Each structure stands twice: as C-alpha cells, then as structure tokens.
Amino acid sequence: MPLRFSPCGNRRSAELLSIRGTEVNYLFICPTKLWFFTHGITMEQESEWVDLGKFLHEQRYENEEKEVLVGSIKIDFIRKGDIVEVHEVKLGKSMEKAHEMQALYYLYYLKKLGIKAKAILHYPKLNETKEITLEGHEEEIKEAIREVEKTKPLPTPPKPVKQRSAKKCAYYELCWI
C-alpha cells in the first residue's frame, strides 16, 4: 500500500503540476510512448523489463516504505533527514537522461511545495548511485513540462523514431508492427 506524504508548504503551486514523473521520463525516452501512456494505453504490465525492475526494487530495498504519493507523483521511496532524499530505482543506465529528468521533476515539484530535496538514482544491477540536485536545471524542467503538456492533447501519437531501445519497449508492436 502506497504511503501518502503530506508536506507543509504551498499546495496550490503543486496543484498546477498535474503531470506525473513517468510522463516526464517517457518524454525523454519516446514522445510516442508518452502519448500512448497518457491516453490510457498501458503496455507495461506485459513487459518483462518492468517486472525485472520491480523485482530488483522489492528485493534490494525491502526495508523502505515504497511508492510514496505526493500529489500527482509517485516516488519509489523517500528518506527524511536534514534534507529530504527522493530515491528512484532504475534497471540500467541506457535511459539515464530520462531518469535524471524524472528525478529533477520530482525535485521541482517538491520545491513548489516548499520542500528542499535532493534525488538519488539507484542502479542496483550495477551497484551504482547518482545524486541529482535541482540547481541549474529549473529551466530545463520547465521546458520538459511544456513539452509534456503539448504532447498529451495531440489527437494522434507523434510519429515514432527508430532507436536501439525500441525493441525492448512495451509499446513496440503498436509502433512498428
């Protein structure tokens, strides 16, 4: 059962951010995937890669409270200390830019609530972590938010682009077969 995080701060500014972190992530993976996902076409339940990622997350971080809900975002887990730490668990680094942008969106979202935080990306298969801070990235996140908001209402999905990662995508058959 997901934990609900109830921060103090400016809830009104966070209400304006109605997109999910997954949407920001998908924007950087493939805008076509973003469009399908935001139109209720979810193929991840069929993906062995998603299942593997969930398994690693559950096994490696079994003592953490998982799926922390904050408004429209769902964070893998949070650690509270002098500064809030947002933790995201990822299978591998092939989509690292998408992972970073998702984490930055979470930090931006929390900042709008009046919460200063940093993010830690976990790559358990590689035994690596990467720390992310919002400093110097706010304009990049604002642009990503604008792009997500432009893509979601399109009447048809953006044309897919062939890339190496497409064959592992849960939406592959919708785009290429």
C-alpha atoms as a PDB file:
ATOM      1  CA  MET A   1       0.000   0.000   0.000  1.00  0.00           C
ATOM      2  CA  PRO A   2       1.496   3.352  -1.005  1.00  0.00           C
ATOM      3  CA  LEU A   3       2.425   5.844   1.675  1.00  0.00           C
ATOM      4  CA  ARG A   4       0.981   9.334   1.324  1.00  0.00           C
ATOM      5  CA  PHE A   5       3.448  12.093   2.072  1.00  0.00           C
ATOM      6  CA  SER A   6       1.734  15.181   3.493  1.00  0.00           C
ATOM      7  CA  PRO A   7       4.207  18.039   3.372  1.00  0.00           C
ATOM      8  CA  CYS A   8       3.607  21.515   4.638  1.00  0.00           C
ATOM      9  CA  GLY A   9       4.029  24.234   2.095  1.00  0.00           C
ATOM     10  CA  ASN A  10       2.349  25.744  -0.887  1.00  0.00           C
ATOM     11  CA  ARG A  11      -0.105  23.105  -2.078  1.00  0.00           C
ATOM     12  CA  ARG A  12      -1.612  25.496  -4.623  1.00  0.00           C
ATOM     13  CA  SER A  13       1.564  25.706  -6.714  1.00  0.00           C
ATOM     14  CA  ALA A  14       1.916  21.914  -6.717  1.00  0.00           C
ATOM     15  CA  GLU A  15      -1.702  21.558  -7.874  1.00  0.00           C
ATOM     16  CA  LEU A  16      -0.665  23.354 -11.047  1.00  0.00           C
ATOM     17  CA  LEU A  17       1.751  20.479 -11.733  1.00  0.00           C
ATOM     18  CA  SER A  18      -0.683  17.774 -12.752  1.00  0.00           C
ATOM     19  CA  ILE A  19       1.736  15.665 -14.765  1.00  0.00           C
ATOM     20  CA  ARG A  20       3.381  12.547 -13.420  1.00  0.00           C
ATOM     21  CA  GLY A  21       7.086  11.818 -13.235  1.00  0.00           C
ATOM     22  CA  THR A  22       6.601   8.861 -15.541  1.00  0.00           C
ATOM     23  CA  GLU A  23       5.322  11.276 -18.184  1.00  0.00           C
ATOM     24  CA  VAL A  24       8.498  13.354 -17.968  1.00  0.00           C
ATOM     25  CA  ASN A  25      10.529  10.140 -18.148  1.00  0.00           C
ATOM     26  CA  TYR A  26       8.646   8.943 -21.245  1.00  0.00           C
ATOM     27  CA  LEU A  27       9.084  12.317 -22.965  1.00  0.00           C
ATOM     28  CA  PHE A  28      12.832  11.685 -22.976  1.00  0.00           C
ATOM     29  CA  ILE A  29      12.517   8.028 -23.939  1.00  0.00           C
ATOM     30  CA  CYS A  30       9.965   8.499 -26.716  1.00  0.00           C
ATOM     31  CA  PRO A  31       7.148  11.057 -27.156  1.00  0.00           C
ATOM     32  CA  THR A  32       5.056   8.342 -28.843  1.00  0.00           C
ATOM     33  CA  LYS A  33       5.287   6.218 -25.690  1.00  0.00           C
ATOM     34  CA  LEU A  34       4.304   9.284 -23.646  1.00  0.00           C
ATOM     35  CA  TRP A  35       1.232   9.843 -25.834  1.00  0.00           C
ATOM     36  CA  PHE A  36       0.078   6.204 -25.592  1.00  0.00           C
ATOM     37  CA  PHE A  37       0.600   6.177 -21.812  1.00  0.00           C
ATOM     38  CA  THR A  38      -1.327   9.423 -21.243  1.00  0.00           C
ATOM     39  CA  HIS A  39      -4.195   8.118 -23.351  1.00  0.00           C
ATOM     40  CA  GLY A  40      -4.668   5.075 -21.128  1.00  0.00           C
ATOM     41  CA  ILE A  41      -2.807   2.635 -23.350  1.00  0.00           C
ATOM     42  CA  THR A  42      -0.548   0.978 -20.810  1.00  0.00           C
ATOM     43  CA  MET A  43       1.556  -1.919 -22.005  1.00  0.00           C
ATOM     44  CA  GLU A  44       3.979  -2.107 -19.081  1.00  0.00           C
ATOM     45  CA  GLN A  45       2.048  -4.919 -17.386  1.00  0.00           C
ATOM     46  CA  GLU A  46       3.176  -7.107 -20.308  1.00  0.00           C
ATOM     47  CA  SER A  47       6.851  -6.098 -20.086  1.00  0.00           C
ATOM     48  CA  GLU A  48       9.439  -8.485 -18.662  1.00  0.00           C
ATOM     49  CA  TRP A  49      11.773  -5.472 -18.193  1.00  0.00           C
ATOM     50  CA  VAL A  50       9.232  -3.746 -15.948  1.00  0.00           C
ATOM     51  CA  ASP A  51       8.758  -6.974 -13.974  1.00  0.00           C
ATOM     52  CA  LEU A  52      12.525  -7.328 -13.522  1.00  0.00           C
ATOM     53  CA  GLY A  53      12.798  -3.718 -12.348  1.00  0.00           C
ATOM     54  CA  LYS A  54      10.005  -4.221  -9.807  1.00  0.00           C
ATOM     55  CA  PHE A  55      11.627  -7.414  -8.554  1.00  0.00           C
ATOM     56  CA  LEU A  56      15.012  -5.689  -8.063  1.00  0.00           C
ATOM     57  CA  HIS A  57      13.308  -2.790  -6.311  1.00  0.00           C
ATOM     58  CA  GLU A  58      11.403  -5.060  -3.938  1.00  0.00           C
ATOM     59  CA  GLN A  59      14.387  -7.281  -3.120  1.00  0.00           C
ATOM     60  CA  ARG A  60      17.123  -4.672  -2.823  1.00  0.00           C
ATOM     61  CA  TYR A  61      15.115  -2.076  -0.912  1.00  0.00           C
ATOM     62  CA  GLU A  62      12.753  -4.315   1.028  1.00  0.00           C
ATOM     63  CA  ASN A  63      13.020  -2.275   4.254  1.00  0.00           C
ATOM     64  CA  GLU A  64      11.980   1.004   2.618  1.00  0.00           C
ATOM     65  CA  GLU A  65       8.417   2.300   2.511  1.00  0.00           C
ATOM     66  CA  LYS A  66       7.756   2.261  -1.199  1.00  0.00           C
ATOM     67  CA  GLU A  67       5.589   4.217  -3.605  1.00  0.00           C
ATOM     68  CA  VAL A  68       5.344   7.471  -1.715  1.00  0.00           C
ATOM     69  CA  LEU A  69       2.487   9.519  -3.190  1.00  0.00           C
ATOM     70  CA  VAL A  70       2.822  13.295  -3.257  1.00  0.00           C
ATOM     71  CA  GLY A  71       0.023  14.827  -5.306  1.00  0.00           C
ATOM     72  CA  SER A  72       0.386  13.535  -8.868  1.00  0.00           C
ATOM     73  CA  ILE A  73       3.835  11.995  -8.362  1.00  0.00           C
ATOM     74  CA  LYS A  74       4.788   8.570  -7.032  1.00  0.00           C
ATOM     75  CA  ILE A  75       8.325   8.322  -5.690  1.00  0.00           C
ATOM     76  CA  ASP A  76       9.972   4.913  -5.221  1.00  0.00           C
ATOM     77  CA  PHE A  77      10.966   5.805  -1.652  1.00  0.00           C
ATOM     78  CA  ILE A  78      11.896   8.801   0.483  1.00  0.00           C
ATOM     79  CA  ARG A  79      14.353   9.175   3.328  1.00  0.00           C
ATOM     80  CA  LYS A  80      13.914  12.107   5.659  1.00  0.00           C
ATOM     81  CA  GLY A  81      16.868  13.814   7.314  1.00  0.00           C
ATOM     82  CA  ASP A  82      18.366  17.285   7.263  1.00  0.00           C
ATOM     83  CA  ILE A  83      17.240  17.316   3.656  1.00  0.00           C
ATOM     84  CA  VAL A  84      14.577  15.090   2.085  1.00  0.00           C
ATOM     85  CA  GLU A  85      16.044  12.430  -0.186  1.00  0.00           C
ATOM     86  CA  VAL A  86      13.979  11.233  -3.137  1.00  0.00           C
ATOM     87  CA  HIS A  87      15.086   7.764  -4.229  1.00  0.00           C
ATOM     88  CA  GLU A  88      14.356   6.267  -7.634  1.00  0.00           C
ATOM     89  CA  VAL A  89      15.345   2.725  -8.570  1.00  0.00           C
ATOM     90  CA  LYS A  90      16.179   2.029 -12.203  1.00  0.00           C
ATOM     91  CA  LEU A  91      17.140  -1.166 -14.020  1.00  0.00           C
ATOM     92  CA  GLY A  92      20.023   0.206 -16.082  1.00  0.00           C
ATOM     93  CA  LYS A  93      21.607   3.397 -17.378  1.00  0.00           C
ATOM     94  CA  SER A  94      20.573   3.205 -21.033  1.00  0.00           C
ATOM     95  CA  MET A  95      17.826   5.768 -20.350  1.00  0.00           C
ATOM     96  CA  GLU A  96      19.857   7.815 -17.878  1.00  0.00           C
ATOM     97  CA  LYS A  97      18.753  11.216 -19.236  1.00  0.00           C
ATOM     98  CA  ALA A  98      15.094  10.196 -18.823  1.00  0.00           C
ATOM     99  CA  HIS A  99      15.821   9.016 -15.260  1.00  0.00           C
ATOM    100  CA  GLU A 100      17.557  12.277 -14.407  1.00  0.00           C
ATOM    101  CA  MET A 101      14.720  14.364 -15.809  1.00  0.00           C
ATOM    102  CA  GLN A 102      12.147  12.360 -13.845  1.00  0.00           C
ATOM    103  CA  ALA A 103      14.148  12.912 -10.646  1.00  0.00           C
ATOM    104  CA  LEU A 104      14.562  16.612 -11.447  1.00  0.00           C
ATOM    105  CA  TYR A 105      10.816  16.905 -11.985  1.00  0.00           C
ATOM    106  CA  TYR A 106      10.226  15.404  -8.535  1.00  0.00           C
ATOM    107  CA  LEU A 107      12.644  17.914  -7.006  1.00  0.00           C
ATOM    108  CA  TYR A 108      10.958  20.774  -8.853  1.00  0.00           C
ATOM    109  CA  TYR A 109       7.529  19.550  -7.722  1.00  0.00           C
ATOM    110  CA  LEU A 110       8.660  19.321  -4.098  1.00  0.00           C
ATOM    111  CA  LYS A 111      10.234  22.776  -4.312  1.00  0.00           C
ATOM    112  CA  LYS A 112       6.818  24.128  -5.365  1.00  0.00           C
ATOM    113  CA  LEU A 113       5.526  22.627  -2.096  1.00  0.00           C
ATOM    114  CA  GLY A 114       8.257  24.406  -0.149  1.00  0.00           C
ATOM    115  CA  ILE A 115      10.353  21.260   0.349  1.00  0.00           C
ATOM    116  CA  LYS A 116      14.079  21.302  -0.376  1.00  0.00           C
ATOM    117  CA  ALA A 117      15.225  17.893  -1.528  1.00  0.00           C
ATOM    118  CA  LYS A 118      17.841  16.008  -3.476  1.00  0.00           C
ATOM    119  CA  ALA A 119      17.414  12.843  -5.509  1.00  0.00           C
ATOM    120  CA  ILE A 120      19.357   9.615  -5.574  1.00  0.00           C
ATOM    121  CA  LEU A 121      19.114   7.376  -8.623  1.00  0.00           C
ATOM    122  CA  HIS A 122      19.807   3.728  -7.802  1.00  0.00           C
ATOM    123  CA  TYR A 123      21.080   1.246 -10.360  1.00  0.00           C
ATOM    124  CA  PRO A 124      21.110  -1.964  -8.276  1.00  0.00           C
ATOM    125  CA  LYS A 125      22.285  -4.262 -11.090  1.00  0.00           C
ATOM    126  CA  LEU A 126      25.333  -2.027 -11.493  1.00  0.00           C
ATOM    127  CA  ASN A 127      25.769  -1.314  -7.754  1.00  0.00           C
ATOM    128  CA  GLU A 128      25.805   2.406  -8.584  1.00  0.00           C
ATOM    129  CA  THR A 129      24.009   5.503  -7.383  1.00  0.00           C
ATOM    130  CA  LYS A 130      23.874   9.025  -8.744  1.00  0.00           C
ATOM    131  CA  GLU A 131      22.951  12.149  -6.783  1.00  0.00           C
ATOM    132  CA  ILE A 132      20.827  14.769  -8.523  1.00  0.00           C
ATOM    133  CA  THR A 133      20.102  18.341  -7.394  1.00  0.00           C
ATOM    134  CA  LEU A 134      17.757  20.876  -8.945  1.00  0.00           C
ATOM    135  CA  GLU A 135      20.307  23.678  -9.056  1.00  0.00           C
ATOM    136  CA  GLY A 136      20.829  24.919 -12.596  1.00  0.00           C
ATOM    137  CA  HIS A 137      18.108  22.680 -14.077  1.00  0.00           C
ATOM    138  CA  GLU A 138      14.849  24.566 -13.459  1.00  0.00           C
ATOM    139  CA  GLU A 139      14.545  25.985 -16.980  1.00  0.00           C
ATOM    140  CA  GLU A 140      15.185  22.537 -18.446  1.00  0.00           C
ATOM    141  CA  ILE A 141      12.390  21.088 -16.289  1.00  0.00           C
ATOM    142  CA  LYS A 142      10.000  23.908 -17.188  1.00  0.00           C
ATOM    143  CA  GLU A 143      10.661  23.201 -20.876  1.00  0.00           C
ATOM    144  CA  ALA A 144      10.050  19.473 -20.321  1.00  0.00           C
ATOM    145  CA  ILE A 145       6.742  20.274 -18.591  1.00  0.00           C
ATOM    146  CA  ARG A 146       5.720  22.421 -21.571  1.00  0.00           C
ATOM    147  CA  GLU A 147       6.623  19.591 -23.980  1.00  0.00           C
ATOM    148  CA  VAL A 148       4.611  17.035 -21.994  1.00  0.00           C
ATOM    149  CA  GLU A 149       1.647  19.422 -21.908  1.00  0.00           C
ATOM    150  CA  LYS A 150       1.924  19.919 -25.711  1.00  0.00           C
ATOM    151  CA  THR A 151       2.173  16.179 -26.429  1.00  0.00           C
ATOM    152  CA  LYS A 152      -0.650  14.889 -24.223  1.00  0.00           C
ATOM    153  CA  PRO A 153      -3.598  16.551 -26.011  1.00  0.00           C
ATOM    154  CA  LEU A 154      -2.489  15.679 -29.554  1.00  0.00           C
ATOM    155  CA  PRO A 155      -5.286  13.866 -31.464  1.00  0.00           C
ATOM    156  CA  THR A 156      -2.850  11.171 -32.676  1.00  0.00           C
ATOM    157  CA  PRO A 157       0.501   9.958 -31.355  1.00  0.00           C
ATOM    158  CA  PRO A 158       3.710  11.594 -32.574  1.00  0.00           C
ATOM    159  CA  LYS A 159       5.455   9.581 -35.259  1.00  0.00           C
ATOM    160  CA  PRO A 160       7.788   7.039 -33.593  1.00  0.00           C
ATOM    161  CA  VAL A 161      11.513   7.280 -34.165  1.00  0.00           C
ATOM    162  CA  LYS A 162      13.543   4.104 -34.695  1.00  0.00           C
ATOM    163  CA  GLN A 163      16.135   3.756 -31.967  1.00  0.00           C
ATOM    164  CA  ARG A 164      18.046   0.838 -30.464  1.00  0.00           C
ATOM    165  CA  SER A 165      15.892   0.779 -27.334  1.00  0.00           C
ATOM    166  CA  ALA A 166      12.647   0.419 -29.341  1.00  0.00           C
ATOM    167  CA  LYS A 167      12.815  -3.376 -29.486  1.00  0.00           C
ATOM    168  CA  LYS A 168      12.705  -3.590 -25.676  1.00  0.00           C
ATOM    169  CA  CYS A 169       9.815  -1.123 -25.430  1.00  0.00           C
ATOM    170  CA  ALA A 170       6.461  -2.414 -24.200  1.00  0.00           C
ATOM    171  CA  TYR A 171       4.815  -0.332 -26.970  1.00  0.00           C
ATOM    172  CA  TYR A 172       6.955  -1.742 -29.792  1.00  0.00           C
ATOM    173  CA  GLU A 173       4.136  -3.600 -31.509  1.00  0.00           C
ATOM    174  CA  LEU A 174       1.907  -0.503 -31.554  1.00  0.00           C
ATOM    175  CA  CYS A 175       4.596   1.494 -33.341  1.00  0.00           C
ATOM    176  CA  TRP A 176       6.346  -0.933 -35.637  1.00  0.00           C
ATOM    177  CA  ILE A 177       4.157  -3.961 -36.425  1.00  0.00           C
END
